[in-house]
Amino acid sequence: MEHLRARAANSLRDLEDTVVALLAAAPNGLTNIDVTTTLGLHSDHLGNHRNYLSWSILGRLMRAGRVRGEKDEKGKMRYFSNE
């Protein structure tokens, strides 16, 4: 089981690095749906589109200080790379 846990940790790290690289290439920042659509990370729960995966990744990256969120003039959260 430990090898599966390590595999999952590596995959999560790859996803996080990919999101940071995407945000670094977007000087005006991106919304959660932009990240979700660009990387094909759409997810659902019981048939309802919630995109919990991308929200979780962005939250982890913000907590780690790799990403920051800022509200735009319309009040929509945009995410930016800190790297």
N, C-alpha and C. Protein backbone atom coordinates (compact mmCIF):
# COMPACT_ATOMS: atom_id res chain seq x y z
N MET A 1 0.80 -1.20 0.00
CA MET A 1 0.00 0.00 0.00
C MET A 1 0.85 1.27 0.00
N GLU A 2 2.01 1.20 0.61
CA GLU A 2 2.86 2.40 0.69
C GLU A 2 3.25 2.90 -0.70
N HIS A 3 3.47 1.97 -1.64
CA HIS A 3 3.84 2.40 -2.99
C HIS A 3 2.68 3.14 -3.66
N LEU A 4 1.45 2.78 -3.32
CA LEU A 4 0.30 3.48 -3.88
C LEU A 4 0.18 4.89 -3.29
N ARG A 5 0.46 5.00 -2.01
CA ARG A 5 0.45 6.32 -1.36
C ARG A 5 1.51 7.23 -1.97
N ALA A 6 2.69 6.68 -2.21
CA ALA A 6 3.78 7.45 -2.82
C ALA A 6 3.40 7.86 -4.25
N ARG A 7 2.77 6.96 -4.95
CA ARG A 7 2.33 7.26 -6.32
C ARG A 7 1.32 8.40 -6.32
N ALA A 8 0.37 8.35 -5.40
CA ALA A 8 -0.63 9.42 -5.29
C ALA A 8 0.03 10.75 -4.93
N ALA A 9 0.97 10.72 -4.01
CA ALA A 9 1.68 11.94 -3.60
C ALA A 9 2.43 12.54 -4.78
N ASN A 10 3.07 11.70 -5.57
CA ASN A 10 3.79 12.18 -6.76
C ASN A 10 2.83 12.78 -7.78
N SER A 11 1.70 12.15 -7.96
CA SER A 11 0.70 12.66 -8.91
C SER A 11 0.15 14.00 -8.46
N LEU A 12 -0.12 14.13 -7.17
CA LEU A 12 -0.62 15.39 -6.63
C LEU A 12 0.42 16.50 -6.81
N ARG A 13 1.67 16.18 -6.54
CA ARG A 13 2.75 17.15 -6.73
C ARG A 13 2.83 17.58 -8.20
N ASP A 14 2.69 16.63 -9.12
CA ASP A 14 2.69 16.96 -10.55
C ASP A 14 1.53 17.88 -10.91
N LEU A 15 0.35 17.60 -10.38
CA LEU A 15 -0.82 18.46 -10.64
C LEU A 15 -0.58 19.86 -10.09
N GLU A 16 -0.06 19.95 -8.88
CA GLU A 16 0.20 21.26 -8.29
C GLU A 16 1.23 22.03 -9.11
N ASP A 17 2.30 21.37 -9.51
CA ASP A 17 3.32 22.04 -10.32
C ASP A 17 2.75 22.51 -11.65
N THR A 18 1.86 21.73 -12.23
CA THR A 18 1.24 22.09 -13.50
C THR A 18 0.34 23.31 -13.34
N VAL A 19 -0.43 23.36 -12.26
CA VAL A 19 -1.29 24.53 -12.01
C VAL A 19 -0.44 25.78 -11.80
N VAL A 20 0.63 25.67 -11.04
CA VAL A 20 1.51 26.82 -10.81
C VAL A 20 2.11 27.29 -12.14
N ALA A 21 2.55 26.38 -12.98
CA ALA A 21 3.11 26.74 -14.29
C ALA A 21 2.06 27.44 -15.16
N LEU A 22 0.84 26.93 -15.13
CA LEU A 22 -0.24 27.56 -15.89
C LEU A 22 -0.49 28.98 -15.40
N LEU A 23 -0.55 29.16 -14.09
CA LEU A 23 -0.78 30.49 -13.53
C LEU A 23 0.38 31.43 -13.82
N ALA A 24 1.60 30.91 -13.82
CA ALA A 24 2.77 31.74 -14.12
C ALA A 24 2.72 32.25 -15.55
N ALA A 25 2.07 31.51 -16.43
CA ALA A 25 1.96 31.90 -17.84
C ALA A 25 0.77 32.83 -18.09
N ALA A 26 0.04 33.17 -17.04
CA ALA A 26 -1.16 34.01 -17.17
C ALA A 26 -1.00 35.27 -16.32
N PRO A 27 -0.41 36.33 -16.88
CA PRO A 27 -0.15 37.53 -16.08
C PRO A 27 -1.39 38.19 -15.49
N ASN A 28 -2.55 37.96 -16.09
CA ASN A 28 -3.80 38.53 -15.56
C ASN A 28 -4.51 37.58 -14.61
N GLY A 29 -3.86 36.47 -14.28
CA GLY A 29 -4.45 35.50 -13.39
C GLY A 29 -5.53 34.68 -14.08
N LEU A 30 -5.98 33.65 -13.40
CA LEU A 30 -7.03 32.77 -13.93
C LEU A 30 -8.03 32.47 -12.83
N THR A 31 -9.26 32.22 -13.22
CA THR A 31 -10.28 31.79 -12.28
C THR A 31 -10.19 30.27 -12.12
N ASN A 32 -10.89 29.75 -11.15
CA ASN A 32 -10.93 28.30 -10.96
C ASN A 32 -11.43 27.62 -12.23
N ILE A 33 -12.48 28.15 -12.85
CA ILE A 33 -13.02 27.51 -14.05
C ILE A 33 -12.03 27.59 -15.20
N ASP A 34 -11.23 28.66 -15.27
CA ASP A 34 -10.18 28.74 -16.29
C ASP A 34 -9.18 27.61 -16.11
N VAL A 35 -8.74 27.41 -14.88
CA VAL A 35 -7.79 26.33 -14.58
C VAL A 35 -8.41 24.99 -14.92
N THR A 36 -9.64 24.80 -14.47
CA THR A 36 -10.35 23.54 -14.69
C THR A 36 -10.48 23.22 -16.18
N THR A 37 -10.92 24.20 -16.95
CA THR A 37 -11.14 24.00 -18.38
C THR A 37 -9.83 23.80 -19.13
N THR A 38 -8.85 24.63 -18.85
CA THR A 38 -7.57 24.55 -19.56
C THR A 38 -6.89 23.21 -19.34
N LEU A 39 -6.94 22.72 -18.12
CA LEU A 39 -6.24 21.46 -17.80
C LEU A 39 -7.14 20.23 -17.87
N GLY A 40 -8.41 20.42 -18.20
CA GLY A 40 -9.31 19.28 -18.30
C GLY A 40 -9.56 18.59 -16.97
N LEU A 41 -9.70 19.38 -15.91
CA LEU A 41 -9.87 18.83 -14.57
C LEU A 41 -11.32 18.85 -14.08
N HIS A 42 -12.27 18.91 -15.00
CA HIS A 42 -13.67 18.92 -14.59
C HIS A 42 -13.97 17.70 -13.73
N SER A 43 -14.65 17.93 -12.65
CA SER A 43 -15.03 16.82 -11.77
C SER A 43 -16.46 17.06 -11.31
N ASP A 44 -17.10 16.00 -10.89
CA ASP A 44 -18.46 16.15 -10.40
C ASP A 44 -18.69 15.24 -9.21
N HIS A 45 -19.75 15.54 -8.53
CA HIS A 45 -20.18 14.73 -7.40
C HIS A 45 -21.66 14.46 -7.58
N LEU A 46 -22.00 13.20 -7.74
CA LEU A 46 -23.38 12.79 -7.95
C LEU A 46 -24.02 13.51 -9.14
N GLY A 47 -23.20 13.72 -10.18
CA GLY A 47 -23.72 14.32 -11.40
C GLY A 47 -23.73 15.84 -11.42
N ASN A 48 -23.41 16.46 -10.31
CA ASN A 48 -23.37 17.92 -10.25
C ASN A 48 -21.93 18.39 -10.41
N HIS A 49 -21.70 19.28 -11.35
CA HIS A 49 -20.35 19.79 -11.56
C HIS A 49 -19.96 20.68 -10.40
N ARG A 50 -18.94 20.28 -9.69
CA ARG A 50 -18.47 21.01 -8.52
C ARG A 50 -17.00 21.40 -8.65
N ASN A 51 -16.26 20.63 -9.42
CA ASN A 51 -14.83 20.89 -9.62
C ASN A 51 -14.07 20.95 -8.30
N TYR A 52 -14.40 20.05 -7.40
CA TYR A 52 -13.72 20.01 -6.11
C TYR A 52 -12.23 19.76 -6.25
N LEU A 53 -11.84 19.01 -7.26
CA LEU A 53 -10.42 18.71 -7.44
C LEU A 53 -9.61 19.98 -7.63
N SER A 54 -10.05 20.84 -8.55
CA SER A 54 -9.29 22.07 -8.80
C SER A 54 -9.35 23.01 -7.60
N TRP A 55 -10.49 23.08 -6.92
CA TRP A 55 -10.58 23.91 -5.71
C TRP A 55 -9.59 23.40 -4.65
N SER A 56 -9.51 22.10 -4.50
CA SER A 56 -8.60 21.52 -3.51
C SER A 56 -7.15 21.81 -3.85
N ILE A 57 -6.81 21.68 -5.12
CA ILE A 57 -5.43 21.95 -5.54
C ILE A 57 -5.09 23.42 -5.30
N LEU A 58 -5.98 24.33 -5.71
CA LEU A 58 -5.73 25.76 -5.50
C LEU A 58 -5.62 26.08 -4.00
N GLY A 59 -6.46 25.47 -3.19
CA GLY A 59 -6.40 25.70 -1.75
C GLY A 59 -5.07 25.23 -1.15
N ARG A 60 -4.61 24.07 -1.57
CA ARG A 60 -3.33 23.56 -1.08
C ARG A 60 -2.19 24.49 -1.50
N LEU A 61 -2.25 24.96 -2.74
CA LEU A 61 -1.20 25.85 -3.24
C LEU A 61 -1.21 27.20 -2.52
N MET A 62 -2.39 27.70 -2.20
CA MET A 62 -2.48 28.96 -1.46
C MET A 62 -1.91 28.77 -0.05
N ARG A 63 -2.27 27.68 0.59
CA ARG A 63 -1.78 27.40 1.94
C ARG A 63 -0.25 27.28 1.95
N ALA A 64 0.30 26.75 0.87
CA ALA A 64 1.75 26.59 0.76
C ALA A 64 2.44 27.88 0.32
N GLY A 65 1.65 28.90 -0.04
CA GLY A 65 2.22 30.18 -0.45
C GLY A 65 2.69 30.21 -1.89
N ARG A 66 2.36 29.20 -2.66
CA ARG A 66 2.79 29.14 -4.06
C ARG A 66 1.85 29.91 -4.98
N VAL A 67 0.63 30.15 -4.50
CA VAL A 67 -0.41 30.82 -5.29
C VAL A 67 -1.12 31.81 -4.38
N ARG A 68 -1.59 32.90 -4.96
CA ARG A 68 -2.40 33.86 -4.21
C ARG A 68 -3.68 34.12 -5.00
N GLY A 69 -4.72 34.49 -4.29
CA GLY A 69 -5.99 34.82 -4.91
C GLY A 69 -6.31 36.29 -4.69
N GLU A 70 -6.82 36.93 -5.72
CA GLU A 70 -7.23 38.34 -5.64
C GLU A 70 -8.57 38.49 -6.35
N LYS A 71 -9.47 39.24 -5.74
CA LYS A 71 -10.76 39.49 -6.39
C LYS A 71 -10.58 40.56 -7.46
N ASP A 72 -11.21 40.31 -8.61
CA ASP A 72 -11.15 41.30 -9.68
C ASP A 72 -12.26 42.34 -9.49
N GLU A 73 -12.39 43.24 -10.45
CA GLU A 73 -13.36 44.34 -10.33
C GLU A 73 -14.80 43.86 -10.27
N LYS A 74 -15.05 42.64 -10.72
CA LYS A 74 -16.40 42.06 -10.67
C LYS A 74 -16.60 41.20 -9.43
N GLY A 75 -15.57 41.13 -8.58
CA GLY A 75 -15.67 40.34 -7.36
C GLY A 75 -15.34 38.87 -7.55
N LYS A 76 -14.86 38.51 -8.74
CA LYS A 76 -14.52 37.13 -9.03
C LYS A 76 -13.06 36.87 -8.63
N MET A 77 -12.82 35.74 -7.97
CA MET A 77 -11.48 35.41 -7.52
C MET A 77 -10.62 34.97 -8.69
N ARG A 78 -9.45 35.59 -8.80
CA ARG A 78 -8.47 35.22 -9.81
C ARG A 78 -7.22 34.76 -9.07
N TYR A 79 -6.56 33.76 -9.61
CA TYR A 79 -5.40 33.16 -8.96
C TYR A 79 -4.14 33.48 -9.75
N PHE A 80 -3.07 33.72 -9.00
CA PHE A 80 -1.78 34.11 -9.57
C PHE A 80 -0.68 33.25 -8.95
N SER A 81 0.33 32.97 -9.74
CA SER A 81 1.49 32.25 -9.22
C SER A 81 2.35 33.20 -8.41
N ASN A 82 2.90 32.72 -7.32
CA ASN A 82 3.88 33.47 -6.54
C ASN A 82 5.30 33.04 -6.91
N GLU A 83 5.42 32.21 -7.91
CA GLU A 83 6.75 31.69 -8.29
C GLU A 83 7.21 32.30 -9.59
